[in-house]
Amino acid sequence: MQSDQLASLITFHRKEADLSQSELASHAEVSRYVVQDLEAGTGRTTWGKLQAVLGVLNLQLEPEGPLVKAWRQSLNTNDHE
Protein backbone atom coordinates (compact mmCIF):
# COMPACT_ATOMS: atom_id res chain seq x y z
CA MET A 1 0.00 0.00 0.00
CA GLN A 2 1.34 3.39 -0.96
CA SER A 3 1.35 6.28 1.52
CA ASP A 4 -1.30 8.17 -0.46
CA GLN A 5 -3.58 5.11 -0.36
CA LEU A 6 -3.07 4.74 3.39
CA ALA A 7 -3.77 8.45 3.82
CA SER A 8 -7.00 8.14 1.85
CA LEU A 9 -8.04 5.01 3.78
CA ILE A 10 -7.52 6.68 7.16
CA THR A 11 -9.28 9.88 6.10
CA PHE A 12 -12.24 7.95 4.68
CA HIS A 13 -12.70 5.82 7.80
CA ARG A 14 -12.28 8.79 10.14
CA LYS A 15 -14.97 10.73 8.29
CA GLU A 16 -17.29 7.72 8.15
CA ALA A 17 -16.85 7.37 11.93
CA ASP A 18 -17.82 11.07 12.19
CA LEU A 19 -14.59 11.91 14.01
CA SER A 20 -12.53 15.06 13.74
CA GLN A 21 -8.77 14.71 13.49
CA SER A 22 -8.54 15.85 17.11
CA GLU A 23 -11.10 13.29 18.27
CA LEU A 24 -9.34 10.46 16.45
CA ALA A 25 -6.04 11.57 17.94
CA SER A 26 -7.54 11.63 21.42
CA HIS A 27 -9.00 8.11 21.07
CA ALA A 28 -5.68 6.81 19.71
CA GLU A 29 -3.72 8.67 22.41
CA VAL A 30 -1.54 10.42 19.83
CA SER A 31 -1.21 14.06 18.89
CA ARG A 32 -3.41 15.68 16.28
CA TYR A 33 -0.24 16.22 14.25
CA VAL A 34 0.17 12.44 13.90
CA VAL A 35 -3.30 12.17 12.36
CA GLN A 36 -2.60 15.17 10.13
CA ASP A 37 0.68 13.64 8.94
CA LEU A 38 -0.95 10.28 8.26
CA GLU A 39 -3.77 11.88 6.30
CA ALA A 40 -1.28 13.98 4.35
CA GLY A 41 0.74 10.87 3.52
CA THR A 42 3.98 12.36 4.82
CA GLY A 43 5.07 9.19 6.64
CA ARG A 44 6.46 11.11 9.60
CA THR A 45 5.22 8.86 12.40
CA THR A 46 6.14 5.68 14.19
CA TRP A 47 4.72 2.22 13.64
CA GLY A 48 3.21 2.24 17.15
CA LYS A 49 1.33 5.48 16.52
CA LEU A 50 0.09 4.21 13.16
CA GLN A 51 -1.15 1.03 14.84
CA ALA A 52 -2.96 3.08 17.49
CA VAL A 53 -4.79 5.12 14.84
CA LEU A 54 -5.64 2.02 12.79
CA GLY A 55 -6.89 0.28 15.93
CA VAL A 56 -9.34 3.09 16.72
CA LEU A 57 -10.65 2.89 13.15
CA ASN A 58 -10.84 -0.93 13.34
CA LEU A 59 -8.46 -1.30 10.38
CA GLN A 60 -5.77 -3.88 9.75
CA LEU A 61 -3.06 -3.81 7.13
CA GLU A 62 -2.64 -7.04 5.21
CA PRO A 63 0.58 -7.86 3.37
CA GLU A 64 0.42 -8.28 -0.39
CA GLY A 65 2.96 -9.64 -2.81
CA PRO A 66 4.06 -12.67 -4.76
CA LEU A 67 5.70 -14.35 -1.75
CA VAL A 68 3.05 -13.67 0.91
CA LYS A 69 1.45 -17.10 0.49
CA ALA A 70 4.84 -18.83 0.88
CA TRP A 71 5.65 -16.64 3.89
CA ARG A 72 2.36 -17.57 5.59
CA GLN A 73 3.03 -21.25 4.90
CA SER A 74 6.49 -20.92 6.42
CA LEU A 75 4.92 -19.42 9.56
CA ASN A 76 2.60 -22.42 9.85
CA THR A 77 5.49 -24.83 9.27
CA ASN A 78 7.66 -23.13 11.90
CA ASP A 79 4.80 -23.32 14.42
CA HIS A 80 4.73 -27.10 14.09
CA GLU A 81 8.47 -27.68 14.46
C-alpha atoms as a PDB file:
ATOM      1  CA  MET A   1       0.000   0.000   0.000  1.00  0.00           C
ATOM      2  CA  GLN A   2       1.335   3.394  -0.965  1.00  0.00           C
ATOM      3  CA  SER A   3       1.349   6.280   1.519  1.00  0.00           C
ATOM      4  CA  ASP A   4      -1.304   8.172  -0.464  1.00  0.00           C
ATOM      5  CA  GLN A   5      -3.578   5.112  -0.358  1.00  0.00           C
ATOM      6  CA  LEU A   6      -3.070   4.736   3.387  1.00  0.00           C
ATOM      7  CA  ALA A   7      -3.768   8.448   3.824  1.00  0.00           C
ATOM      8  CA  SER A   8      -7.001   8.141   1.853  1.00  0.00           C
ATOM      9  CA  LEU A   9      -8.042   5.011   3.784  1.00  0.00           C
ATOM     10  CA  ILE A  10      -7.522   6.684   7.157  1.00  0.00           C
ATOM     11  CA  THR A  11      -9.284   9.879   6.104  1.00  0.00           C
ATOM     12  CA  PHE A  12     -12.244   7.950   4.681  1.00  0.00           C
ATOM     13  CA  HIS A  13     -12.699   5.819   7.795  1.00  0.00           C
ATOM     14  CA  ARG A  14     -12.282   8.795  10.137  1.00  0.00           C
ATOM     15  CA  LYS A  15     -14.975  10.729   8.294  1.00  0.00           C
ATOM     16  CA  GLU A  16     -17.295   7.716   8.149  1.00  0.00           C
ATOM     17  CA  ALA A  17     -16.852   7.369  11.927  1.00  0.00           C
ATOM     18  CA  ASP A  18     -17.817  11.070  12.187  1.00  0.00           C
ATOM     19  CA  LEU A  19     -14.592  11.914  14.008  1.00  0.00           C
ATOM     20  CA  SER A  20     -12.528  15.055  13.735  1.00  0.00           C
ATOM     21  CA  GLN A  21      -8.773  14.705  13.493  1.00  0.00           C
ATOM     22  CA  SER A  22      -8.538  15.847  17.114  1.00  0.00           C
ATOM     23  CA  GLU A  23     -11.103  13.287  18.267  1.00  0.00           C
ATOM     24  CA  LEU A  24      -9.341  10.464  16.448  1.00  0.00           C
ATOM     25  CA  ALA A  25      -6.037  11.565  17.941  1.00  0.00           C
ATOM     26  CA  SER A  26      -7.540  11.626  21.419  1.00  0.00           C
ATOM     27  CA  HIS A  27      -9.001   8.115  21.072  1.00  0.00           C
ATOM     28  CA  ALA A  28      -5.683   6.808  19.715  1.00  0.00           C
ATOM     29  CA  GLU A  29      -3.723   8.675  22.411  1.00  0.00           C
ATOM     30  CA  VAL A  30      -1.542  10.417  19.827  1.00  0.00           C
ATOM     31  CA  SER A  31      -1.212  14.063  18.895  1.00  0.00           C
ATOM     32  CA  ARG A  32      -3.413  15.680  16.275  1.00  0.00           C
ATOM     33  CA  TYR A  33      -0.236  16.216  14.252  1.00  0.00           C
ATOM     34  CA  VAL A  34       0.171  12.438  13.902  1.00  0.00           C
ATOM     35  CA  VAL A  35      -3.299  12.165  12.364  1.00  0.00           C
ATOM     36  CA  GLN A  36      -2.599  15.175  10.126  1.00  0.00           C
ATOM     37  CA  ASP A  37       0.680  13.641   8.944  1.00  0.00           C
ATOM     38  CA  LEU A  38      -0.951  10.278   8.259  1.00  0.00           C
ATOM     39  CA  GLU A  39      -3.775  11.880   6.298  1.00  0.00           C
ATOM     40  CA  ALA A  40      -1.280  13.978   4.351  1.00  0.00           C
ATOM     41  CA  GLY A  41       0.739  10.867   3.518  1.00  0.00           C
ATOM     42  CA  THR A  42       3.975  12.355   4.817  1.00  0.00           C
ATOM     43  CA  GLY A  43       5.066   9.194   6.643  1.00  0.00           C
ATOM     44  CA  ARG A  44       6.455  11.111   9.596  1.00  0.00           C
ATOM     45  CA  THR A  45       5.222   8.861  12.398  1.00  0.00           C
ATOM     46  CA  THR A  46       6.135   5.677  14.192  1.00  0.00           C
ATOM     47  CA  TRP A  47       4.721   2.218  13.642  1.00  0.00           C
ATOM     48  CA  GLY A  48       3.209   2.240  17.151  1.00  0.00           C
ATOM     49  CA  LYS A  49       1.334   5.477  16.518  1.00  0.00           C
ATOM     50  CA  LEU A  50       0.095   4.207  13.160  1.00  0.00           C
ATOM     51  CA  GLN A  51      -1.146   1.028  14.839  1.00  0.00           C
ATOM     52  CA  ALA A  52      -2.957   3.085  17.487  1.00  0.00           C
ATOM     53  CA  VAL A  53      -4.794   5.122  14.837  1.00  0.00           C
ATOM     54  CA  LEU A  54      -5.644   2.025  12.791  1.00  0.00           C
ATOM     55  CA  GLY A  55      -6.894   0.282  15.929  1.00  0.00           C
ATOM     56  CA  VAL A  56      -9.340   3.087  16.720  1.00  0.00           C
ATOM     57  CA  LEU A  57     -10.651   2.888  13.148  1.00  0.00           C
ATOM     58  CA  ASN A  58     -10.839  -0.927  13.342  1.00  0.00           C
ATOM     59  CA  LEU A  59      -8.462  -1.299  10.384  1.00  0.00           C
ATOM     60  CA  GLN A  60      -5.774  -3.884   9.745  1.00  0.00           C
ATOM     61  CA  LEU A  61      -3.058  -3.809   7.127  1.00  0.00           C
ATOM     62  CA  GLU A  62      -2.645  -7.043   5.213  1.00  0.00           C
ATOM     63  CA  PRO A  63       0.579  -7.859   3.368  1.00  0.00           C
ATOM     64  CA  GLU A  64       0.423  -8.285  -0.394  1.00  0.00           C
ATOM     65  CA  GLY A  65       2.962  -9.639  -2.810  1.00  0.00           C
ATOM     66  CA  PRO A  66       4.063 -12.672  -4.762  1.00  0.00           C
ATOM     67  CA  LEU A  67       5.704 -14.346  -1.749  1.00  0.00           C
ATOM     68  CA  VAL A  68       3.053 -13.669   0.906  1.00  0.00           C
ATOM     69  CA  LYS A  69       1.453 -17.102   0.490  1.00  0.00           C
ATOM     70  CA  ALA A  70       4.837 -18.825   0.879  1.00  0.00           C
ATOM     71  CA  TRP A  71       5.647 -16.637   3.893  1.00  0.00           C
ATOM     72  CA  ARG A  72       2.364 -17.571   5.586  1.00  0.00           C
ATOM     73  CA  GLN A  73       3.025 -21.246   4.901  1.00  0.00           C
ATOM     74  CA  SER A  74       6.494 -20.918   6.421  1.00  0.00           C
ATOM     75  CA  LEU A  75       4.920 -19.424   9.563  1.00  0.00           C
ATOM     76  CA  ASN A  76       2.598 -22.419   9.850  1.00  0.00           C
ATOM     77  CA  THR A  77       5.495 -24.832   9.275  1.00  0.00           C
ATOM     78  CA  ASN A  78       7.657 -23.129  11.902  1.00  0.00           C
ATOM     79  CA  ASP A  79       4.803 -23.318  14.417  1.00  0.00           C
ATOM     80  CA  HIS A  80       4.726 -27.100  14.094  1.00  0.00           C
ATOM     81  CA  GLU A  81       8.472 -27.677  14.457  1.00  0.00           C
END
